[in-house]
Amino acid sequence: MANEQGKPDYDVCLSFAGKQREYVEQVAAKLKSAGIRVFYDDYEKVALWGKDLYEHLDYVYGSSAQYCILFASKEYADKVWTNHERRSAQARALMAHSEYVLPVRFDDTEIPGIRHTIGYLDAKALSPESLAQMVTQKLGPRVRRNFLPPGPDLLFEALEIIDDGDREDALAVARDFMGVLQRMTSEERKLVAYLFGNSCPTDLPENVHQNLDLIRRTIGWAPQQIIDTMQGLRSLGFFSEIRADEDHGDNVLVCQWNDMTIGSGVTDFAMENSTRLAAEMIQLAIGHFCEGCADKFIEALDFSRLSSVTSENHE
């Protein structure tokens, strides 16, 4: 089954016996930090609470993921629940006529339906990190949706932040800016992304600015539509005005973003750097992409490129 964007709910689901949990948990953590949507039971405790597990797990392993990683072992073969998960996954593979179950073996125990001629990986020869990297390669290039990496080291580098406390503040502001973008319409995001992604850097961190006629020519909006749209974003912390550029005789759109998210706790960092942080986020997210690809990443709110861990494997 797919989500509203027509894609599976998860990139991978993990099927394993409890004895291998320590290994699988490390794999799940590495996948999650890489922006991969992973079904791992400990991440789903609240979602599973009160559900008919027999029916729900049949859906998860039979319909909700692009791949099922099956961790084969003697303990896996002996458990009722793992066999239920396996049967659901194998039914999906049979219906789809395509590879879906990806075996990872801890031993040579025979698992019904998993023949030894099927390509598998040997868990004894792979660290959890190496396996997670191979899963990432298997999934291939993709756009992540509504994704902000938990460790945006490239953003910290662009902002020249070294202090751990300032990094925590910056990450909090980044999350708030992500939330602001999520509350915008597609057209509002497109305008903000163009303005913040292509602005002259000379006035940062105070404001971003761009020639109003250049914005008109690039995105095809009338000047008044541009002005009205930006003014309509004041409740989200955007404050804009039109200034005359006396040197060139043109009008310039000048904008600041202030983190006004309820409960964010205004810090010195947020007060001084919100605009610059927003600009760096967008510039890193869409840098080096053509206009069409940049629009795709902004529409998806994919900020993978803020982290060296998740900056690769894009569509």
Protein backbone atom coordinates (compact mmCIF):
# COMPACT_ATOMS: atom_id res chain seq x y z
CA MET A 1 0.00 0.00 0.00
CA ALA A 2 1.23 3.52 -0.77
CA ASN A 3 0.97 6.84 1.00
CA GLU A 4 -0.67 9.93 -0.47
CA GLN A 5 2.36 10.58 -2.69
CA GLY A 6 1.94 7.14 -4.28
CA LYS A 7 5.02 5.66 -2.60
CA PRO A 8 5.30 2.89 0.02
CA ASP A 9 4.95 3.96 3.64
CA TYR A 10 8.42 2.55 4.37
CA ASP A 11 11.55 2.07 2.33
CA VAL A 12 12.33 -1.16 4.23
CA CYS A 13 10.75 -3.30 6.92
CA LEU A 14 12.89 -5.50 9.18
CA SER A 15 11.84 -9.03 10.09
CA PHE A 16 13.97 -10.73 12.75
CA ALA A 17 14.00 -12.89 15.87
CA GLY A 18 14.56 -11.36 19.29
CA LYS A 19 17.95 -12.98 19.76
CA GLN A 20 19.33 -10.88 16.91
CA ARG A 21 17.79 -7.62 18.16
CA GLU A 22 21.10 -6.04 19.20
CA TYR A 23 22.50 -6.36 15.68
CA VAL A 24 19.25 -5.37 13.94
CA GLU A 25 18.76 -2.37 16.20
CA GLN A 26 22.12 -0.98 15.08
CA VAL A 27 21.13 -1.51 11.45
CA ALA A 28 17.81 0.27 12.05
CA ALA A 29 19.55 3.22 13.73
CA LYS A 30 21.98 3.62 10.84
CA LEU A 31 19.17 3.45 8.30
CA LYS A 32 17.09 5.99 10.21
CA SER A 33 19.99 8.42 10.49
CA ALA A 34 20.46 8.12 6.72
CA GLY A 35 16.89 9.27 6.15
CA ILE A 36 15.54 5.86 5.22
CA ARG A 37 11.98 5.15 6.31
CA VAL A 38 12.37 1.93 8.24
CA PHE A 39 9.79 -0.22 10.00
CA TYR A 40 11.47 -1.46 13.17
CA ASP A 41 9.12 -2.51 15.97
CA ASP A 42 10.76 -0.42 18.70
CA TYR A 43 10.19 2.71 16.61
CA GLU A 44 6.50 1.88 16.29
CA LYS A 45 5.43 1.22 19.89
CA VAL A 46 2.84 4.00 19.98
CA ALA A 47 1.52 3.19 16.50
CA LEU A 48 1.18 -0.51 17.39
CA TRP A 49 -0.49 0.14 20.75
CA GLY A 50 -4.03 -1.26 20.65
CA LYS A 51 -3.87 -2.57 17.09
CA ASP A 52 -4.74 -6.09 16.01
CA LEU A 53 -1.10 -7.09 15.51
CA TYR A 54 -1.86 -10.13 13.38
CA GLU A 55 -3.75 -8.02 10.86
CA HIS A 56 -1.50 -4.97 11.06
CA LEU A 57 1.78 -6.85 10.67
CA ASP A 58 0.31 -8.68 7.68
CA TYR A 59 -0.24 -5.24 6.13
CA VAL A 60 3.24 -3.98 7.08
CA TYR A 61 5.18 -6.97 5.74
CA GLY A 62 2.86 -7.61 2.82
CA SER A 63 2.11 -4.12 1.52
CA SER A 64 3.83 -1.16 3.14
CA ALA A 65 7.51 -1.29 2.16
CA GLN A 66 9.70 -1.32 -0.92
CA TYR A 67 11.81 -4.17 0.50
CA CYS A 68 11.61 -6.58 3.41
CA ILE A 69 14.96 -7.46 4.99
CA LEU A 70 14.62 -10.92 6.50
CA PHE A 71 17.23 -11.84 9.12
CA ALA A 72 17.33 -15.63 8.87
CA SER A 73 18.43 -17.75 11.84
CA LYS A 74 17.47 -20.84 13.83
CA GLU A 75 15.52 -18.62 16.21
CA TYR A 76 13.73 -16.97 13.28
CA ALA A 77 12.57 -20.35 11.96
CA ASP A 78 11.19 -21.35 15.37
CA LYS A 79 9.08 -18.25 16.15
CA VAL A 80 5.37 -17.92 15.38
CA TRP A 81 5.42 -14.17 14.73
CA THR A 82 8.44 -14.21 12.45
CA ASN A 83 6.84 -16.95 10.38
CA HIS A 84 3.70 -14.82 10.10
CA GLU A 85 5.83 -11.90 8.87
CA ARG A 86 7.67 -14.17 6.44
CA ARG A 87 4.49 -15.55 4.91
CA SER A 88 3.12 -12.03 4.40
CA ALA A 89 6.37 -10.92 2.77
CA GLN A 90 6.55 -13.98 0.51
CA ALA A 91 2.95 -13.48 -0.60
CA ARG A 92 3.84 -9.93 -1.60
CA ALA A 93 6.89 -11.13 -3.54
CA LEU A 94 4.81 -13.75 -5.34
CA MET A 95 2.07 -11.26 -6.26
CA ALA A 96 4.53 -8.60 -7.42
CA HIS A 97 6.67 -11.02 -9.49
CA SER A 98 9.75 -9.10 -8.31
CA GLU A 99 12.46 -9.23 -5.68
CA TYR A 100 11.11 -8.02 -2.40
CA VAL A 101 12.54 -10.26 0.34
CA LEU A 102 16.24 -9.56 0.93
CA PRO A 103 17.71 -12.34 3.13
CA VAL A 104 20.50 -11.70 5.63
CA ARG A 105 21.71 -14.95 7.22
CA PHE A 106 23.09 -15.48 10.70
CA ASP A 107 23.40 -19.23 10.10
CA ASP A 108 22.46 -21.92 7.58
CA THR A 109 19.04 -22.74 9.02
CA GLU A 110 16.54 -23.51 6.29
CA ILE A 111 13.72 -20.95 6.14
CA PRO A 112 10.63 -22.13 4.24
CA GLY A 113 10.45 -20.41 0.88
CA ILE A 114 13.97 -18.98 1.11
CA ARG A 115 16.11 -21.23 -1.06
CA HIS A 116 19.88 -21.24 -0.72
CA THR A 117 20.10 -20.29 -4.40
CA ILE A 118 18.58 -16.89 -3.58
CA GLY A 119 21.22 -14.20 -3.17
CA TYR A 120 21.79 -13.36 0.46
CA LEU A 121 24.19 -11.48 2.73
CA ASP A 122 26.14 -13.02 5.60
CA ALA A 123 25.56 -11.12 8.85
CA LYS A 124 28.64 -12.73 10.40
CA ALA A 125 30.80 -11.05 7.77
CA LEU A 126 29.10 -7.64 7.85
CA SER A 127 28.99 -4.95 10.51
CA PRO A 128 25.58 -3.30 11.05
CA GLU A 129 26.99 -0.12 9.50
CA SER A 130 28.18 -1.98 6.39
CA LEU A 131 24.82 -3.67 5.99
CA ALA A 132 23.00 -0.33 6.33
CA GLN A 133 25.23 1.11 3.60
CA MET A 134 24.38 -1.80 1.31
CA VAL A 135 20.67 -1.31 1.96
CA THR A 136 21.07 2.36 1.03
CA GLN A 137 22.76 1.34 -2.22
CA LYS A 138 20.01 -1.18 -2.94
CA LEU A 139 17.33 1.46 -2.53
CA GLY A 140 19.17 3.71 -4.97
CA PRO A 141 18.66 7.42 -5.65
CA ARG A 142 15.49 8.95 -4.23
CA VAL A 143 13.87 12.11 -2.94
CA ARG A 144 13.09 12.03 0.74
CA ARG A 145 9.92 13.79 1.90
CA ASN A 146 9.76 16.12 4.89
CA PHE A 147 13.29 15.17 5.86
CA LEU A 148 15.69 17.12 8.04
CA PRO A 149 18.80 15.09 8.96
CA PRO A 150 19.37 14.70 12.72
CA GLY A 151 23.02 15.72 12.35
CA PRO A 152 23.22 18.50 9.70
CA ASP A 153 27.01 18.87 9.81
CA LEU A 154 27.19 20.65 6.45
CA LEU A 155 24.76 23.28 7.73
CA PHE A 156 26.89 23.78 10.85
CA GLU A 157 29.96 24.09 8.63
CA ALA A 158 28.29 26.68 6.40
CA LEU A 159 27.26 28.67 9.47
CA GLU A 160 30.74 28.24 10.99
CA ILE A 161 29.30 26.82 14.21
CA ILE A 162 31.65 24.85 16.42
CA ASP A 163 30.16 25.18 19.91
CA ASP A 164 27.87 22.28 20.86
CA GLY A 165 25.35 24.58 22.49
CA ASP A 166 25.10 26.77 19.40
CA ARG A 167 24.69 23.64 17.28
CA GLU A 168 21.74 22.55 19.41
CA ASP A 169 20.20 26.01 19.03
CA ALA A 170 20.80 25.96 15.27
CA LEU A 171 19.17 22.54 14.93
CA ALA A 172 16.14 23.78 16.90
CA VAL A 173 15.80 26.79 14.59
CA ALA A 174 16.22 24.53 11.53
CA ARG A 175 13.36 22.35 12.78
CA ASP A 176 11.20 25.43 13.27
CA PHE A 177 11.97 26.67 9.74
CA MET A 178 11.07 23.23 8.41
CA GLY A 179 7.74 23.48 10.22
CA VAL A 180 7.14 26.93 8.72
CA LEU A 181 7.77 25.61 5.20
CA GLN A 182 5.34 22.75 5.84
CA ARG A 183 2.58 25.24 6.62
CA MET A 184 3.02 27.08 3.31
CA THR A 185 1.34 26.44 0.00
CA SER A 186 3.45 25.12 -2.87
CA GLU A 187 3.48 28.56 -4.51
CA GLU A 188 4.56 30.27 -1.28
CA ARG A 189 7.40 27.78 -0.84
CA LYS A 190 8.51 28.33 -4.42
CA LEU A 191 8.78 32.09 -3.91
CA VAL A 192 10.58 31.80 -0.56
CA ALA A 193 12.96 29.20 -1.98
CA TYR A 194 13.84 31.41 -4.92
CA LEU A 195 14.31 34.49 -2.76
CA PHE A 196 16.39 32.80 -0.05
CA GLY A 197 18.18 30.45 -2.42
CA ASN A 198 19.37 33.12 -4.87
CA SER A 199 19.76 36.16 -2.69
CA CYS A 200 22.87 38.31 -2.62
CA PRO A 201 24.80 37.27 0.53
CA THR A 202 26.19 40.72 1.35
CA ASP A 203 23.53 41.68 3.90
CA LEU A 204 23.33 38.36 5.73
CA PRO A 205 22.55 37.60 8.53
CA GLU A 206 20.32 40.71 8.71
CA ASN A 207 18.29 40.12 5.55
CA VAL A 208 18.12 38.58 2.12
CA HIS A 209 17.33 40.72 -0.91
CA GLN A 210 16.71 40.34 -4.60
CA ASN A 211 15.85 42.59 -7.53
CA LEU A 212 12.06 42.60 -7.85
CA ASP A 213 12.08 42.63 -11.65
CA LEU A 214 14.50 39.69 -11.71
CA ILE A 215 12.14 37.68 -9.47
CA ARG A 216 9.29 38.55 -11.85
CA ARG A 217 11.22 37.41 -14.89
CA THR A 218 12.37 34.18 -13.23
CA ILE A 219 9.18 32.86 -11.66
CA GLY A 220 6.68 34.62 -13.92
CA TRP A 221 4.68 36.46 -11.26
CA ALA A 222 3.48 40.05 -11.41
CA PRO A 223 5.35 42.31 -8.96
CA GLN A 224 2.24 42.96 -6.89
CA GLN A 225 1.60 39.21 -6.56
CA ILE A 226 5.14 38.79 -5.25
CA ILE A 227 4.70 41.60 -2.74
CA ASP A 228 1.26 40.40 -1.59
CA THR A 229 2.46 36.82 -1.17
CA MET A 230 5.42 37.83 1.01
CA GLN A 231 3.26 40.14 3.11
CA GLY A 232 0.85 37.25 3.64
CA LEU A 233 3.65 35.30 5.33
CA ARG A 234 4.09 37.70 8.25
CA SER A 235 2.34 35.29 10.61
CA LEU A 236 5.06 32.74 9.81
CA GLY A 237 7.83 35.18 10.71
CA PHE A 238 8.62 36.69 7.29
CA PHE A 239 8.97 40.46 7.26
CA SER A 240 9.52 42.07 3.87
CA GLU A 241 9.59 45.48 2.25
CA ILE A 242 10.39 47.11 -1.05
CA ARG A 243 13.40 49.41 -1.16
CA ALA A 244 14.62 51.58 -3.99
CA ASP A 245 18.08 50.77 -5.32
CA GLU A 246 19.35 54.28 -6.01
CA ASP A 247 22.44 53.05 -7.84
CA HIS A 248 20.48 51.09 -10.44
CA GLY A 249 17.05 52.70 -10.30
CA ASP A 250 15.33 49.41 -9.50
CA ASN A 251 13.15 48.13 -6.68
CA VAL A 252 14.57 45.48 -4.39
CA LEU A 253 12.58 43.01 -2.28
CA VAL A 254 14.18 42.77 1.17
CA CYS A 255 13.15 40.02 3.59
CA GLN A 256 13.96 38.74 7.06
CA TRP A 257 12.78 35.54 8.74
CA ASN A 258 12.36 35.52 12.51
CA ASP A 259 11.74 32.26 14.34
CA MET A 260 8.34 32.87 15.92
CA THR A 261 7.39 29.25 16.51
CA ILE A 262 5.39 28.85 19.72
CA GLY A 263 7.46 27.15 22.38
CA SER A 264 10.71 27.47 20.42
CA GLY A 265 12.35 29.53 23.15
CA VAL A 266 14.03 32.52 21.56
CA THR A 267 17.78 32.23 22.01
CA ASP A 268 20.51 34.71 21.17
CA PHE A 269 21.43 32.47 18.25
CA ALA A 270 17.86 32.51 16.89
CA MET A 271 17.56 36.28 17.21
CA GLU A 272 20.83 36.91 15.41
CA ASN A 273 20.92 34.12 12.80
CA SER A 274 17.41 32.98 11.82
CA THR A 275 17.51 34.65 8.40
CA ARG A 276 21.00 33.41 7.58
CA LEU A 277 20.18 29.89 8.74
CA ALA A 278 17.05 29.78 6.55
CA ALA A 279 19.06 30.99 3.56
CA GLU A 280 21.83 28.44 4.12
CA MET A 281 19.29 25.62 4.49
CA ILE A 282 17.69 26.40 1.14
CA GLN A 283 20.96 27.09 -0.66
CA LEU A 284 22.44 23.78 0.51
CA ALA A 285 19.23 21.89 -0.34
CA ILE A 286 19.00 23.09 -3.94
CA GLY A 287 22.59 24.03 -4.75
CA HIS A 288 23.94 22.76 -8.09
CA PHE A 289 20.48 21.58 -9.22
CA CYS A 290 18.63 22.85 -12.27
CA GLU A 291 15.46 24.84 -11.64
CA GLY A 292 13.19 21.83 -12.19
CA CYS A 293 15.11 19.58 -9.79
CA ALA A 294 15.40 22.38 -7.23
CA ASP A 295 11.63 22.82 -7.30
CA LYS A 296 11.22 19.07 -6.74
CA PHE A 297 13.41 19.08 -3.64
CA ILE A 298 11.71 22.13 -2.17
CA GLU A 299 8.26 20.68 -2.84
CA ALA A 300 9.30 17.46 -1.11
CA LEU A 301 11.06 19.43 1.67
CA ASP A 302 14.08 17.20 1.26
CA PHE A 303 17.00 18.69 3.21
CA SER A 304 19.25 15.65 2.84
CA ARG A 305 22.07 17.82 1.53
CA LEU A 306 22.47 19.45 4.94
CA SER A 307 24.33 16.35 6.12
CA SER A 308 27.35 14.55 4.70
CA VAL A 309 25.66 11.26 5.69
CA THR A 310 22.54 11.85 3.60
CA SER A 311 23.77 14.18 0.87
CA GLU A 312 24.19 11.35 -1.66
CA ASN A 313 21.69 8.99 -3.32
CA HIS A 314 19.28 11.59 -4.69
CA GLU A 315 17.12 11.06 -7.72
